[in-house]
PDB file of N, CA and C in Angstrom:
ATOM      1  N   UNK A   1      11.609  -2.732 -11.313  1.00  0.00           N
ATOM      2  CA  UNK A   1      10.679  -1.918 -10.318  1.00  0.00           C
ATOM      3  C   UNK A   1      10.860  -0.546 -10.543  1.00  0.00           C
ATOM      4  N   UNK A   2       9.770   0.059 -10.824  1.00  0.00           N
ATOM      5  CA  UNK A   2       9.834   1.529 -11.009  1.00  0.00           C
ATOM      6  C   UNK A   2      10.105   2.338  -9.708  1.00  0.00           C
ATOM      7  N   UNK A   3      10.763   3.367  -9.850  1.00  0.00           N
ATOM      8  CA  UNK A   3      11.019   4.131  -8.628  1.00  0.00           C
ATOM      9  C   UNK A   3      10.186   5.315  -8.426  1.00  0.00           C
ATOM     10  N   UNK A   4       9.597   5.715  -9.463  1.00  0.00           N
ATOM     11  CA  UNK A   4       8.493   6.664  -9.501  1.00  0.00           C
ATOM     12  C   UNK A   4       7.447   6.459  -8.437  1.00  0.00           C
ATOM     13  N   UNK A   5       6.980   7.313  -7.760  1.00  0.00           N
ATOM     14  CA  UNK A   5       6.057   7.053  -6.856  1.00  0.00           C
ATOM     15  C   UNK A   5       6.352   6.400  -5.525  1.00  0.00           C
ATOM     16  N   UNK A   6       7.445   5.772  -5.454  1.00  0.00           N
ATOM     17  CA  UNK A   6       7.823   5.153  -4.181  1.00  0.00           C
ATOM     18  C   UNK A   6       8.387   5.921  -3.211  1.00  0.00           C
ATOM     19  N   UNK A   7       8.313   5.730  -1.941  1.00  0.00           N
ATOM     20  CA  UNK A   7       9.223   6.342  -1.061  1.00  0.00           C
ATOM     21  C   UNK A   7       9.808   5.409  -0.038  1.00  0.00           C
ATOM     22  N   UNK A   8      10.768   5.995   0.591  1.00  0.00           N
ATOM     23  CA  UNK A   8      11.556   5.079   1.626  1.00  0.00           C
ATOM     24  C   UNK A   8      10.595   4.617   2.576  1.00  0.00           C
ATOM     25  N   UNK A   9      10.689   3.507   2.904  1.00  0.00           N
ATOM     26  CA  UNK A   9       9.635   2.866   4.033  1.00  0.00           C
ATOM     27  C   UNK A   9       8.461   2.040   3.313  1.00  0.00           C
ATOM     28  N   UNK A  10       8.301   2.442   2.003  1.00  0.00           N
ATOM     29  CA  UNK A  10       7.124   1.636   1.339  1.00  0.00           C
ATOM     30  C   UNK A  10       7.504  -0.013   1.430  1.00  0.00           C
ATOM     31  N   UNK A  11       6.491  -0.730   1.552  1.00  0.00           N
ATOM     32  CA  UNK A  11       6.554  -2.039   1.563  1.00  0.00           C
ATOM     33  C   UNK A  11       6.097  -2.695   0.398  1.00  0.00           C
ATOM     34  N   UNK A  12       6.862  -3.620  -0.236  1.00  0.00           N
ATOM     35  CA  UNK A  12       6.811  -4.410  -1.461  1.00  0.00           C
ATOM     36  C   UNK A  12       6.908  -5.979  -1.275  1.00  0.00           C
ATOM     37  N   UNK A  13       6.820  -6.709  -2.342  1.00  0.00           N
ATOM     38  CA  UNK A  13       7.060  -8.133  -2.269  1.00  0.00           C
ATOM     39  C   UNK A  13       7.908  -8.656  -3.295  1.00  0.00           C
ATOM     40  N   UNK A  14       8.640  -9.660  -2.899  1.00  0.00           N
ATOM     41  CA  UNK A  14       9.393 -10.316  -4.081  1.00  0.00           C
ATOM     42  C   UNK A  14       8.497 -11.155  -4.977  1.00  0.00           C
ATOM     43  N   UNK A  15       8.618 -10.867  -6.373  1.00  0.00           N
ATOM     44  CA  UNK A  15       7.598 -11.609  -7.265  1.00  0.00           C
ATOM     45  C   UNK A  15       7.774 -13.078  -7.272  1.00  0.00           C
ATOM     46  N   UNK A  16       9.052 -13.554  -6.929  1.00  0.00           N
ATOM     47  CA  UNK A  16       9.242 -15.134  -6.799  1.00  0.00           C
ATOM     48  C   UNK A  16       8.808 -15.684  -5.548  1.00  0.00           C
ATOM     49  N   UNK A  17       9.137 -15.172  -4.449  1.00  0.00           N
ATOM     50  CA  UNK A  17       8.970 -15.802  -3.292  1.00  0.00           C
ATOM     51  C   UNK A  17       7.672 -15.324  -2.332  1.00  0.00           C
ATOM     52  N   UNK A  18       7.479 -14.022  -2.695  1.00  0.00           N
ATOM     53  CA  UNK A  18       6.487 -13.389  -1.826  1.00  0.00           C
ATOM     54  C   UNK A  18       6.931 -12.756  -0.584  1.00  0.00           C
ATOM     55  N   UNK A  19       8.208 -12.927  -0.299  1.00  0.00           N
ATOM     56  CA  UNK A  19       8.996 -12.307   0.778  1.00  0.00           C
ATOM     57  C   UNK A  19       8.633 -10.812   0.872  1.00  0.00           C
ATOM     58  N   UNK A  20       8.303 -10.173   2.006  1.00  0.00           N
ATOM     59  CA  UNK A  20       8.038  -8.740   2.119  1.00  0.00           C
ATOM     60  C   UNK A  20       9.342  -8.010   2.063  1.00  0.00           C
ATOM     61  N   UNK A  21       9.437  -6.942   1.468  1.00  0.00           N
ATOM     62  CA  UNK A  21      10.539  -6.086   1.348  1.00  0.00           C
ATOM     63  C   UNK A  21      10.289  -4.601   1.811  1.00  0.00           C
ATOM     64  N   UNK A  22      11.134  -4.014   2.292  1.00  0.00           N
ATOM     65  CA  UNK A  22      10.968  -2.555   2.512  1.00  0.00           C
ATOM     66  C   UNK A  22      11.945  -1.718   1.713  1.00  0.00           C
ATOM     67  N   UNK A  23      11.460  -0.677   1.231  1.00  0.00           N
ATOM     68  CA  UNK A  23      12.385   0.204   0.433  1.00  0.00           C
ATOM     69  C   UNK A  23      13.313   1.090   1.418  1.00  0.00           C
ATOM     70  N   UNK A  24      14.604   0.806   1.184  1.00  0.00           N
ATOM     71  CA  UNK A  24      15.556   1.717   2.078  1.00  0.00           C
ATOM     72  C   UNK A  24      16.247   2.566   1.154  1.00  0.00           C
ATOM     73  N   UNK A  25      16.276   2.630  -0.168  1.00  0.00           N
ATOM     74  CA  UNK A  25      16.970   3.727  -0.889  1.00  0.00           C
ATOM     75  C   UNK A  25      16.377   3.836  -2.247  1.00  0.00           C
ATOM     76  N   UNK A  26      16.539   4.924  -2.759  1.00  0.00           N
ATOM     77  CA  UNK A  26      15.801   5.341  -4.191  1.00  0.00           C
ATOM     78  C   UNK A  26      16.861   6.051  -4.923  1.00  0.00           C
ATOM     79  N   UNK A  27      16.850   5.936  -6.135  1.00  0.00           N
ATOM     80  CA  UNK A  27      17.472   6.806  -7.069  1.00  0.00           C
ATOM     81  C   UNK A  27      16.683   6.749  -8.322  1.00  0.00           C
ATOM     82  N   UNK A  28      17.044   7.564  -9.409  1.00  0.00           N
ATOM     83  CA  UNK A  28      16.219   7.655 -10.542  1.00  0.00           C
ATOM     84  C   UNK A  28      16.202   6.270 -11.362  1.00  0.00           C
ATOM     85  N   UNK A  29      17.186   5.369 -11.145  1.00  0.00           N
ATOM     86  CA  UNK A  29      17.110   4.115 -11.878  1.00  0.00           C
ATOM     87  C   UNK A  29      17.238   2.795 -11.039  1.00  0.00           C
ATOM     88  N   UNK A  30      17.044   3.153  -9.676  1.00  0.00           N
ATOM     89  CA  UNK A  30      17.188   1.849  -8.782  1.00  0.00           C
ATOM     90  C   UNK A  30      16.374   2.062  -7.506  1.00  0.00           C
ATOM     91  N   UNK A  31      15.923   0.925  -7.056  1.00  0.00           N
ATOM     92  CA  UNK A  31      15.147   0.726  -5.859  1.00  0.00           C
ATOM     93  C   UNK A  31      15.834  -0.149  -5.044  1.00  0.00           C
ATOM     94  N   UNK A  32      16.379   0.321  -3.764  1.00  0.00           N
ATOM     95  CA  UNK A  32      17.026  -0.511  -2.987  1.00  0.00           C
ATOM     96  C   UNK A  32      16.042  -0.965  -1.904  1.00  0.00           C
ATOM     97  N   UNK A  33      16.139  -2.286  -1.623  1.00  0.00           N
ATOM     98  CA  UNK A  33      15.165  -2.948  -0.648  1.00  0.00           C
ATOM     99  C   UNK A  33      15.910  -3.972   0.253  1.00  0.00           C
ATOM    100  N   UNK A  34      15.240  -4.014   1.433  1.00  0.00           N
ATOM    101  CA  UNK A  34      15.772  -4.982   2.362  1.00  0.00           C
ATOM    102  C   UNK A  34      14.712  -5.972   2.695  1.00  0.00           C
ATOM    103  N   UNK A  35      14.989  -7.144   2.975  1.00  0.00           N
ATOM    104  CA  UNK A  35      14.128  -8.232   3.326  1.00  0.00           C
ATOM    105  C   UNK A  35      13.569  -8.022   4.820  1.00  0.00           C
ATOM    106  N   UNK A  36      12.312  -7.922   4.923  1.00  0.00           N
ATOM    107  CA  UNK A  36      11.720  -7.714   6.391  1.00  0.00           C
ATOM    108  C   UNK A  36      11.980  -8.927   7.366  1.00  0.00           C
ATOM    109  N   UNK A  37      11.499 -10.094   6.795  1.00  0.00           N
ATOM    110  CA  UNK A  37      11.736 -11.254   7.697  1.00  0.00           C
ATOM    111  C   UNK A  37      13.244 -12.040   7.496  1.00  0.00           C
ATOM    112  N   UNK A  38      13.902 -11.895   8.443  1.00  0.00           N
ATOM    113  CA  UNK A  38      15.398 -12.276   8.261  1.00  0.00           C
ATOM    114  C   UNK A  38      15.479 -13.830   8.146  1.00  0.00           C
ATOM    115  N   UNK A  39      14.457 -14.562   8.190  1.00  0.00           N
ATOM    116  CA  UNK A  39      14.418 -15.886   7.863  1.00  0.00           C
ATOM    117  C   UNK A  39      14.503 -16.095   6.291  1.00  0.00           C
ATOM    118  N   UNK A  40      14.046 -15.163   5.692  1.00  0.00           N
ATOM    119  CA  UNK A  40      14.022 -15.257   4.082  1.00  0.00           C
ATOM    120  C   UNK A  40      15.106 -14.311   3.379  1.00  0.00           C
ATOM    121  N   UNK A  41      16.131 -14.268   4.309  1.00  0.00           N
ATOM    122  CA  UNK A  41      17.071 -13.230   3.750  1.00  0.00           C
ATOM    123  C   UNK A  41      17.799 -13.448   2.441  1.00  0.00           C
ATOM    124  N   UNK A  42      18.203 -14.483   2.180  1.00  0.00           N
ATOM    125  CA  UNK A  42      18.710 -14.943   0.902  1.00  0.00           C
ATOM    126  C   UNK A  42      17.640 -15.367  -0.096  1.00  0.00           C
ATOM    127  N   UNK A  43      17.359 -14.351  -1.019  1.00  0.00           N
ATOM    128  CA  UNK A  43      16.513 -14.341  -2.013  1.00  0.00           C
ATOM    129  C   UNK A  43      17.076 -15.110  -3.163  1.00  0.00           C
ATOM    130  N   UNK A  44      16.365 -16.041  -4.025  1.00  0.00           N
ATOM    131  CA  UNK A  44      16.796 -16.751  -5.002  1.00  0.00           C
ATOM    132  C   UNK A  44      17.208 -15.822  -6.173  1.00  0.00           C
ATOM    133  N   UNK A  45      18.134 -16.259  -7.145  1.00  0.00           N
ATOM    134  CA  UNK A  45      18.511 -15.574  -8.255  1.00  0.00           C
ATOM    135  C   UNK A  45      17.201 -15.296  -9.201  1.00  0.00           C
ATOM    136  N   UNK A  46      17.146 -14.174  -9.699  1.00  0.00           N
ATOM    137  CA  UNK A  46      15.949 -13.587 -10.500  1.00  0.00           C
ATOM    138  C   UNK A  46      14.818 -13.003  -9.797  1.00  0.00           C
ATOM    139  N   UNK A  47      15.207 -12.754  -8.442  1.00  0.00           N
ATOM    140  CA  UNK A  47      14.053 -12.074  -7.524  1.00  0.00           C
ATOM    141  C   UNK A  47      13.833 -10.753  -8.138  1.00  0.00           C
ATOM    142  N   UNK A  48      12.718 -10.170  -7.814  1.00  0.00           N
ATOM    143  CA  UNK A  48      12.258  -8.805  -8.332  1.00  0.00           C
ATOM    144  C   UNK A  48      11.280  -8.194  -7.517  1.00  0.00           C
ATOM    145  N   UNK A  49      11.406  -7.023  -7.136  1.00  0.00           N
ATOM    146  CA  UNK A  49      10.350  -6.477  -6.211  1.00  0.00           C
ATOM    147  C   UNK A  49       9.227  -5.961  -7.109  1.00  0.00           C
ATOM    148  N   UNK A  50       8.137  -6.015  -6.425  1.00  0.00           N
ATOM    149  CA  UNK A  50       6.916  -5.600  -7.006  1.00  0.00           C
ATOM    150  C   UNK A  50       5.855  -5.083  -5.969  1.00  0.00           C
ATOM    151  N   UNK A  51       4.948  -4.279  -6.416  1.00  0.00           N
ATOM    152  CA  UNK A  51       3.886  -3.823  -5.524  1.00  0.00           C
ATOM    153  C   UNK A  51       3.050  -4.840  -5.035  1.00  0.00           C
ATOM    154  N   UNK A  52       2.526  -4.663  -3.616  1.00  0.00           N
ATOM    155  CA  UNK A  52       1.581  -5.637  -3.258  1.00  0.00           C
ATOM    156  C   UNK A  52       0.107  -5.132  -3.571  1.00  0.00           C
ATOM    157  N   UNK A  53      -0.654  -5.868  -3.998  1.00  0.00           N
ATOM    158  CA  UNK A  53      -2.007  -5.240  -4.394  1.00  0.00           C
ATOM    159  C   UNK A  53      -2.925  -5.132  -3.199  1.00  0.00           C
ATOM    160  N   UNK A  54      -3.488  -3.953  -3.103  1.00  0.00           N
ATOM    161  CA  UNK A  54      -4.302  -3.638  -1.799  1.00  0.00           C
ATOM    162  C   UNK A  54      -5.613  -4.537  -1.892  1.00  0.00           C
ATOM    163  N   UNK A  55      -5.832  -5.264  -0.786  1.00  0.00           N
ATOM    164  CA  UNK A  55      -7.090  -5.988  -0.641  1.00  0.00           C
ATOM    165  C   UNK A  55      -7.763  -5.402   0.748  1.00  0.00           C
ATOM    166  N   UNK A  56      -9.152  -5.953   0.880  1.00  0.00           N
ATOM    167  CA  UNK A  56      -9.684  -5.739   2.082  1.00  0.00           C
ATOM    168  C   UNK A  56      -8.872  -6.302   3.220  1.00  0.00           C
ATOM    169  N   UNK A  57      -8.548  -7.479   3.113  1.00  0.00           N
ATOM    170  CA  UNK A  57      -7.868  -8.227   4.149  1.00  0.00           C
ATOM    171  C   UNK A  57      -6.713  -7.294   4.631  1.00  0.00           C
ATOM    172  N   UNK A  58      -5.728  -6.889   3.687  1.00  0.00           N
ATOM    173  CA  UNK A  58      -4.611  -6.116   4.068  1.00  0.00           C
ATOM    174  C   UNK A  58      -4.883  -4.684   4.626  1.00  0.00           C
ATOM    175  N   UNK A  59      -5.971  -4.189   4.110  1.00  0.00           N
ATOM    176  CA  UNK A  59      -6.464  -2.809   4.506  1.00  0.00           C
ATOM    177  C   UNK A  59      -6.774  -2.874   6.032  1.00  0.00           C
ATOM    178  N   UNK A  60      -7.436  -3.857   6.479  1.00  0.00           N
ATOM    179  CA  UNK A  60      -7.918  -3.880   7.876  1.00  0.00           C
ATOM    180  C   UNK A  60      -6.772  -4.552   8.906  1.00  0.00           C
ATOM    181  N   UNK A  61      -5.647  -4.812   8.231  1.00  0.00           N
ATOM    182  CA  UNK A  61      -4.417  -5.078   9.010  1.00  0.00           C
ATOM    183  C   UNK A  61      -3.672  -3.770   9.361  1.00  0.00           C
ATOM    184  N   UNK A  62      -4.072  -2.731   8.684  1.00  0.00           N
ATOM    185  CA  UNK A  62      -3.680  -1.254   9.197  1.00  0.00           C
ATOM    186  C   UNK A  62      -4.415  -0.737  10.162  1.00  0.00           C
ATOM    187  N   UNK A  63      -4.470   0.527  10.181  1.00  0.00           N
ATOM    188  CA  UNK A  63      -5.423   1.391  11.252  1.00  0.00           C
ATOM    189  C   UNK A  63      -6.883   1.423  10.758  1.00  0.00           C
ATOM    190  N   UNK A  64      -6.996   1.011   9.419  1.00  0.00           N
ATOM    191  CA  UNK A  64      -8.436   1.139   8.842  1.00  0.00           C
ATOM    192  C   UNK A  64      -9.400   0.183   9.370  1.00  0.00           C
ATOM    193  N   UNK A  65     -10.713   0.471   9.458  1.00  0.00           N
ATOM    194  CA  UNK A  65     -11.707  -0.416   9.849  1.00  0.00           C
ATOM    195  C   UNK A  65     -12.754  -0.379   8.927  1.00  0.00           C
ATOM    196  N   UNK A  66     -13.359  -1.513   8.586  1.00  0.00           N
ATOM    197  CA  UNK A  66     -14.451  -1.448   7.831  1.00  0.00           C
ATOM    198  C   UNK A  66     -15.698  -0.628   8.461  1.00  0.00           C
ATOM    199  N   UNK A  67     -16.396   0.282   7.819  1.00  0.00           N
ATOM    200  CA  UNK A  67     -17.253   0.976   8.437  1.00  0.00           C
ATOM    201  C   UNK A  67     -18.809   0.903   7.630  1.00  0.00           C
ATOM    202  N   UNK A  68     -19.022  -0.259   7.473  1.00  0.00           N
ATOM    203  CA  UNK A  68     -20.457  -0.607   6.672  1.00  0.00           C
ATOM    204  C   UNK A  68     -20.285  -0.297   5.161  1.00  0.00           C
ATOM    205  N   UNK A  69     -21.319   0.196   4.623  1.00  0.00           N
ATOM    206  CA  UNK A  69     -21.380   0.511   3.218  1.00  0.00           C
ATOM    207  C   UNK A  69     -21.657   2.040   3.024  1.00  0.00           C
ATOM    208  N   UNK A  70     -21.183   2.713   1.861  1.00  0.00           N
ATOM    209  CA  UNK A  70     -21.509   3.948   1.608  1.00  0.00           C
ATOM    210  C   UNK A  70     -22.971   3.966   1.117  1.00  0.00           C
ATOM    211  N   UNK A  71     -23.621   4.991   1.627  1.00  0.00           N
ATOM    212  CA  UNK A  71     -25.144   4.869   1.330  1.00  0.00           C
ATOM    213  C   UNK A  71     -25.514   5.473  -0.221  1.00  0.00           C
ATOM    214  N   UNK A  72     -24.551   6.164  -0.835  1.00  0.00           N
ATOM    215  CA  UNK A  72     -24.757   6.653  -2.115  1.00  0.00           C
ATOM    216  C   UNK A  72     -24.263   5.469  -3.092  1.00  0.00           C
ATOM    217  N   UNK A  73     -23.021   5.074  -2.944  1.00  0.00           N
ATOM    218  CA  UNK A  73     -22.671   4.149  -3.942  1.00  0.00           C
ATOM    219  C   UNK A  73     -22.656   2.549  -3.802  1.00  0.00           C
ATOM    220  N   UNK A  74     -23.163   2.477  -2.398  1.00  0.00           N
ATOM    221  CA  UNK A  74     -23.302   1.155  -1.905  1.00  0.00           C
ATOM    222  C   UNK A  74     -22.083   0.257  -1.952  1.00  0.00           C
ATOM    223  N   UNK A  75     -20.885   0.828  -1.989  1.00  0.00           N
ATOM    224  CA  UNK A  75     -19.639   0.086  -1.741  1.00  0.00           C
ATOM    225  C   UNK A  75     -19.320   0.090  -0.392  1.00  0.00           C
ATOM    226  N   UNK A  76     -18.408  -1.107  -0.056  1.00  0.00           N
ATOM    227  CA  UNK A  76     -17.879  -1.064   1.348  1.00  0.00           C
ATOM    228  C   UNK A  76     -16.936   0.107   1.656  1.00  0.00           C
ATOM    229  N   UNK A  77     -17.097   0.447   2.897  1.00  0.00           N
ATOM    230  CA  UNK A  77     -16.492   1.701   3.262  1.00  0.00           C
ATOM    231  C   UNK A  77     -15.388   1.346   4.319  1.00  0.00           C
ATOM    232  N   UNK A  78     -14.324   1.855   4.152  1.00  0.00           N
ATOM    233  CA  UNK A  78     -13.197   1.682   5.231  1.00  0.00           C
ATOM    234  C   UNK A  78     -12.820   3.214   5.620  1.00  0.00           C
ATOM    235  N   UNK A  79     -12.691   3.294   7.014  1.00  0.00           N
ATOM    236  CA  UNK A  79     -12.274   4.632   7.405  1.00  0.00           C
ATOM    237  C   UNK A  79     -11.123   4.618   8.539  1.00  0.00           C
ATOM    238  N   UNK A  80     -10.588   5.663   8.675  1.00  0.00           N
ATOM    239  CA  UNK A  80      -9.627   5.990   9.715  1.00  0.00           C
ATOM    240  C   UNK A  80      -9.466   7.470   9.804  1.00  0.00           C
ATOM    241  N   UNK A  81      -9.932   8.130  10.977  1.00  0.00           N
ATOM    242  CA  UNK A  81      -9.706   9.425  11.242  1.00  0.00           C
ATOM    243  C   UNK A  81     -10.059  10.478  10.000  1.00  0.00           C
ATOM    244  N   UNK A  82     -11.209  10.212   9.632  1.00  0.00           N
ATOM    245  CA  UNK A  82     -11.767  11.089   8.406  1.00  0.00           C
ATOM    246  C   UNK A  82     -11.263  10.650   7.104  1.00  0.00           C
ATOM    247  N   UNK A  83     -10.372   9.643   6.928  1.00  0.00           N
ATOM    248  CA  UNK A  83      -9.899   9.302   5.684  1.00  0.00           C
ATOM    249  C   UNK A  83     -10.745   8.147   5.207  1.00  0.00           C
ATOM    250  N   UNK A  84     -11.549   8.234   4.179  1.00  0.00           N
ATOM    251  CA  UNK A  84     -12.512   7.400   3.877  1.00  0.00           C
ATOM    252  C   UNK A  84     -12.108   6.658   2.335  1.00  0.00           C
ATOM    253  N   UNK A  85     -12.069   5.329   2.443  1.00  0.00           N
ATOM    254  CA  UNK A  85     -11.726   4.553   1.257  1.00  0.00           C
ATOM    255  C   UNK A  85     -13.005   3.707   0.835  1.00  0.00           C
ATOM    256  N   UNK A  86     -13.451   3.593  -0.378  1.00  0.00           N
ATOM    257  CA  UNK A  86     -14.549   2.820  -0.892  1.00  0.00           C
ATOM    258  C   UNK A  86     -13.935   1.667  -1.678  1.00  0.00           C
ATOM    259  N   UNK A  87     -14.337   0.599  -1.407  1.00  0.00           N
ATOM    260  CA  UNK A  87     -13.771  -0.892  -2.071  1.00  0.00           C
ATOM    261  C   UNK A  87     -14.575  -0.919  -3.469  1.00  0.00           C
ATOM    262  N   UNK A  88     -14.035  -0.665  -4.554  1.00  0.00           N
ATOM    263  CA  UNK A  88     -14.578  -0.814  -5.894  1.00  0.00           C
ATOM    264  C   UNK A  88     -13.804  -1.890  -6.683  1.00  0.00           C
ATOM    265  N   UNK A  89     -14.271  -2.436  -7.652  1.00  0.00           N
ATOM    266  CA  UNK A  89     -13.638  -3.535  -8.563  1.00  0.00           C
ATOM    267  C   UNK A  89     -12.426  -2.987  -9.061  1.00  0.00           C
ATOM    268  N   UNK A  90     -12.138  -1.855  -9.290  1.00  0.00           N
ATOM    269  CA  UNK A  90     -10.776  -1.359  -9.723  1.00  0.00           C
ATOM    270  C   UNK A  90      -9.781  -1.220  -8.657  1.00  0.00           C
ATOM    271  N   UNK A  91     -10.036  -1.072  -7.494  1.00  0.00           N
ATOM    272  CA  UNK A  91      -9.201  -0.658  -6.495  1.00  0.00           C
ATOM    273  C   UNK A  91     -10.042   0.069  -5.236  1.00  0.00           C
ATOM    274  N   UNK A  92      -9.390   0.792  -4.405  1.00  0.00           N
ATOM    275  CA  UNK A  92      -9.912   1.349  -3.314  1.00  0.00           C
ATOM    276  C   UNK A  92     -10.021   3.003  -3.786  1.00  0.00           C
ATOM    277  N   UNK A  93     -11.164   3.600  -3.696  1.00  0.00           N
ATOM    278  CA  UNK A  93     -11.651   5.020  -4.124  1.00  0.00           C
ATOM    279  C   UNK A  93     -11.189   5.930  -2.961  1.00  0.00           C
ATOM    280  N   UNK A  94     -10.457   6.856  -3.193  1.00  0.00           N
ATOM    281  CA  UNK A  94     -10.232   7.837  -2.062  1.00  0.00           C
ATOM    282  C   UNK A  94     -10.810   9.165  -2.910  1.00  0.00           C
ATOM    283  N   UNK A  95     -11.837   9.682  -2.250  1.00  0.00           N
ATOM    284  CA  UNK A  95     -12.543  10.878  -2.893  1.00  0.00           C
ATOM    285  C   UNK A  95     -12.309  12.066  -1.933  1.00  0.00           C
ATOM    286  N   UNK A  96     -11.886  13.119  -2.511  1.00  0.00           N
ATOM    287  CA  UNK A  96     -11.457  14.364  -1.957  1.00  0.00           C
ATOM    288  C   UNK A  96     -11.991  15.459  -2.828  1.00  0.00           C
ATOM    289  N   UNK A  97     -13.111  16.052  -2.351  1.00  0.00           N
ATOM    290  CA  UNK A  97     -13.838  17.031  -3.185  1.00  0.00           C
ATOM    291  C   UNK A  97     -14.372  16.462  -4.272  1.00  0.00           C
ATOM    292  N   UNK A  98     -13.994  16.919  -5.430  1.00  0.00           N
ATOM    293  CA  UNK A  98     -14.448  16.384  -6.668  1.00  0.00           C
ATOM    294  C   UNK A  98     -13.323  15.296  -7.222  1.00  0.00           C
ATOM    295  N   UNK A  99     -12.271  15.322  -6.803  1.00  0.00           N
ATOM    296  CA  UNK A  99     -11.132  14.485  -7.105  1.00  0.00           C
ATOM    297  C   UNK A  99     -11.346  13.073  -6.638  1.00  0.00           C
ATOM    298  N   UNK A 100     -11.046  12.048  -7.557  1.00  0.00           N
ATOM    299  CA  UNK A 100     -11.251  10.657  -7.142  1.00  0.00           C
ATOM    300  C   UNK A 100      -9.892  10.019  -7.486  1.00  0.00           C
ATOM    301  N   UNK A 101      -9.172   9.459  -6.574  1.00  0.00           N
ATOM    302  CA  UNK A 101      -7.878   8.715  -6.745  1.00  0.00           C
ATOM    303  C   UNK A 101      -8.193   7.191  -6.520  1.00  0.00           C
ATOM    304  N   UNK A 102      -7.681   6.356  -7.329  1.00  0.00           N
ATOM    305  CA  UNK A 102      -7.792   4.842  -7.134  1.00  0.00           C
ATOM    306  C   UNK A 102      -6.629   4.436  -6.524  1.00  0.00           C
ATOM    307  N   UNK A 103      -6.623   3.721  -5.559  1.00  0.00           N
ATOM    308  CA  UNK A 103      -5.516   3.164  -4.786  1.00  0.00           C
ATOM    309  C   UNK A 103      -5.489   1.727  -5.022  1.00  0.00           C
ATOM    310  N   UNK A 104      -4.480   1.351  -5.711  1.00  0.00           N
ATOM    311  CA  UNK A 104      -4.224  -0.197  -6.042  1.00  0.00           C
ATOM    312  C   UNK A 104      -3.362  -0.892  -5.279  1.00  0.00           C
ATOM    313  N   UNK A 105      -2.353  -0.494  -4.612  1.00  0.00           N
ATOM    314  CA  UNK A 105      -1.328  -1.082  -3.862  1.00  0.00           C
ATOM    315  C   UNK A 105      -0.929  -0.557  -2.597  1.00  0.00           C
ATOM    316  N   UNK A 106      -0.369  -1.379  -1.849  1.00  0.00           N
ATOM    317  CA  UNK A 106       0.019  -0.938  -0.512  1.00  0.00           C
ATOM    318  C   UNK A 106       0.738   0.180  -0.311  1.00  0.00           C
ATOM    319  N   UNK A 107       1.985   0.282  -1.345  1.00  0.00           N
ATOM    320  CA  UNK A 107       2.750   1.493  -1.369  1.00  0.00           C
ATOM    321  C   UNK A 107       1.983   2.847  -1.739  1.00  0.00           C
ATOM    322  N   UNK A 108       1.032   2.661  -2.765  1.00  0.00           N
ATOM    323  CA  UNK A 108       0.168   3.913  -2.871  1.00  0.00           C
ATOM    324  C   UNK A 108      -0.560   4.334  -1.669  1.00  0.00           C
ATOM    325  N   UNK A 109      -1.159   3.316  -0.872  1.00  0.00           N
ATOM    326  CA  UNK A 109      -1.761   3.742   0.309  1.00  0.00           C
ATOM    327  C   UNK A 109      -0.975   4.349   1.362  1.00  0.00           C
ATOM    328  N   UNK A 110       0.192   3.675   1.517  1.00  0.00           N
ATOM    329  CA  UNK A 110       1.145   4.384   2.431  1.00  0.00           C
ATOM    330  C   UNK A 110       1.632   5.693   1.934  1.00  0.00           C
ATOM    331  N   UNK A 111       1.769   6.094   0.788  1.00  0.00           N
ATOM    332  CA  UNK A 111       2.218   7.347   0.370  1.00  0.00           C
ATOM    333  C   UNK A 111       1.033   8.213   0.606  1.00  0.00           C
ATOM    334  N   UNK A 112      -0.353   7.959   0.330  1.00  0.00           N
ATOM    335  CA  UNK A 112      -1.555   8.633   0.649  1.00  0.00           C
ATOM    336  C   UNK A 112      -1.553   9.046   1.993  1.00  0.00           C
ATOM    337  N   UNK A 113      -1.480   8.008   3.007  1.00  0.00           N
ATOM    338  CA  UNK A 113      -1.605   8.036   4.226  1.00  0.00           C
ATOM    339  C   UNK A 113      -0.523   9.109   4.965  1.00  0.00           C
ATOM    340  N   UNK A 114       0.627   8.868   4.396  1.00  0.00           N
ATOM    341  CA  UNK A 114       1.699   9.899   4.976  1.00  0.00           C
ATOM    342  C   UNK A 114       1.461  11.345   4.462  1.00  0.00           C
ATOM    343  N   UNK A 115       0.987  11.466   3.219  1.00  0.00           N
ATOM    344  CA  UNK A 115       0.655  12.776   2.729  1.00  0.00           C
ATOM    345  C   UNK A 115      -0.467  13.504   3.426  1.00  0.00           C
ATOM    346  N   UNK A 116      -1.437  12.672   3.958  1.00  0.00           N
ATOM    347  CA  UNK A 116      -2.420  13.534   4.627  1.00  0.00           C
ATOM    348  C   UNK A 116      -2.276  13.341   6.078  1.00  0.00           C
ATOM    349  N   UNK A 117      -1.586  12.328   6.658  1.00  0.00           N
ATOM    350  CA  UNK A 117      -1.563  12.267   8.165  1.00  0.00           C
ATOM    351  C   UNK A 117      -0.106  12.904   8.701  1.00  0.00           C
ATOM    352  N   UNK A 118       0.767  12.790   7.839  1.00  0.00           N
ATOM    353  CA  UNK A 118       2.352  13.252   8.213  1.00  0.00           C
ATOM    354  C   UNK A 118       3.036  12.187   8.990  1.00  0.00           C
ATOM    355  N   UNK A 119       2.444  10.835   8.918  1.00  0.00           N
ATOM    356  CA  UNK A 119       3.164   9.780   9.753  1.00  0.00           C
ATOM    357  C   UNK A 119       2.991   8.527   8.911  1.00  0.00           C
ATOM    358  N   UNK A 120       3.794   7.483   9.304  1.00  0.00           N
ATOM    359  CA  UNK A 120       3.825   6.399   8.608  1.00  0.00           C
ATOM    360  C   UNK A 120       2.629   5.535   8.804  1.00  0.00           C
ATOM    361  N   UNK A 121       2.069   4.740   7.995  1.00  0.00           N
ATOM    362  CA  UNK A 121       1.034   3.794   8.219  1.00  0.00           C
ATOM    363  C   UNK A 121       1.453   2.565   8.880  1.00  0.00           C
ATOM    364  N   UNK A 122       0.847   2.185   9.914  1.00  0.00           N
ATOM    365  CA  UNK A 122       1.249   0.909  10.808  1.00  0.00           C
ATOM    366  C   UNK A 122       0.468  -0.165  10.427  1.00  0.00           C
ATOM    367  N   UNK A 123       1.059  -1.419  10.294  1.00  0.00           N
ATOM    368  CA  UNK A 123       0.433  -2.533  10.155  1.00  0.00           C
ATOM    369  C   UNK A 123       0.512  -3.493  11.455  1.00  0.00           C
ATOM    370  N   UNK A 124      -0.668  -4.082  11.714  1.00  0.00           N
ATOM    371  CA  UNK A 124      -0.769  -5.093  12.908  1.00  0.00           C
ATOM    372  C   UNK A 124       0.093  -6.352  12.578  1.00  0.00           C
TER     373      UNK A 124
END
């Protein structure tokens, strides 16, 4: 798992079991994680952390709510306190001025949210 772009508190998943993991430590060459669900504490040999793809179902489990469709792009629109994400085939588009950032995964959304809001993204 790459450590570049990750932050402590990011949520990932185990590639083999799907168990949710939280990043608890980072170095240049290592990502340290902890299993969130204590019932799945003993992961099998060969486990590997990976990003969780961001989906509309996961997005609405956070503070974001579906807010109809964007009148210009006709893409589904999700919003929270002025942060607008548009659901595209490639991922979720965050448009800020003329810059467009595509959010592919939960950890990328967590990082964007923290950078904009100064607090952790909450999940229901």
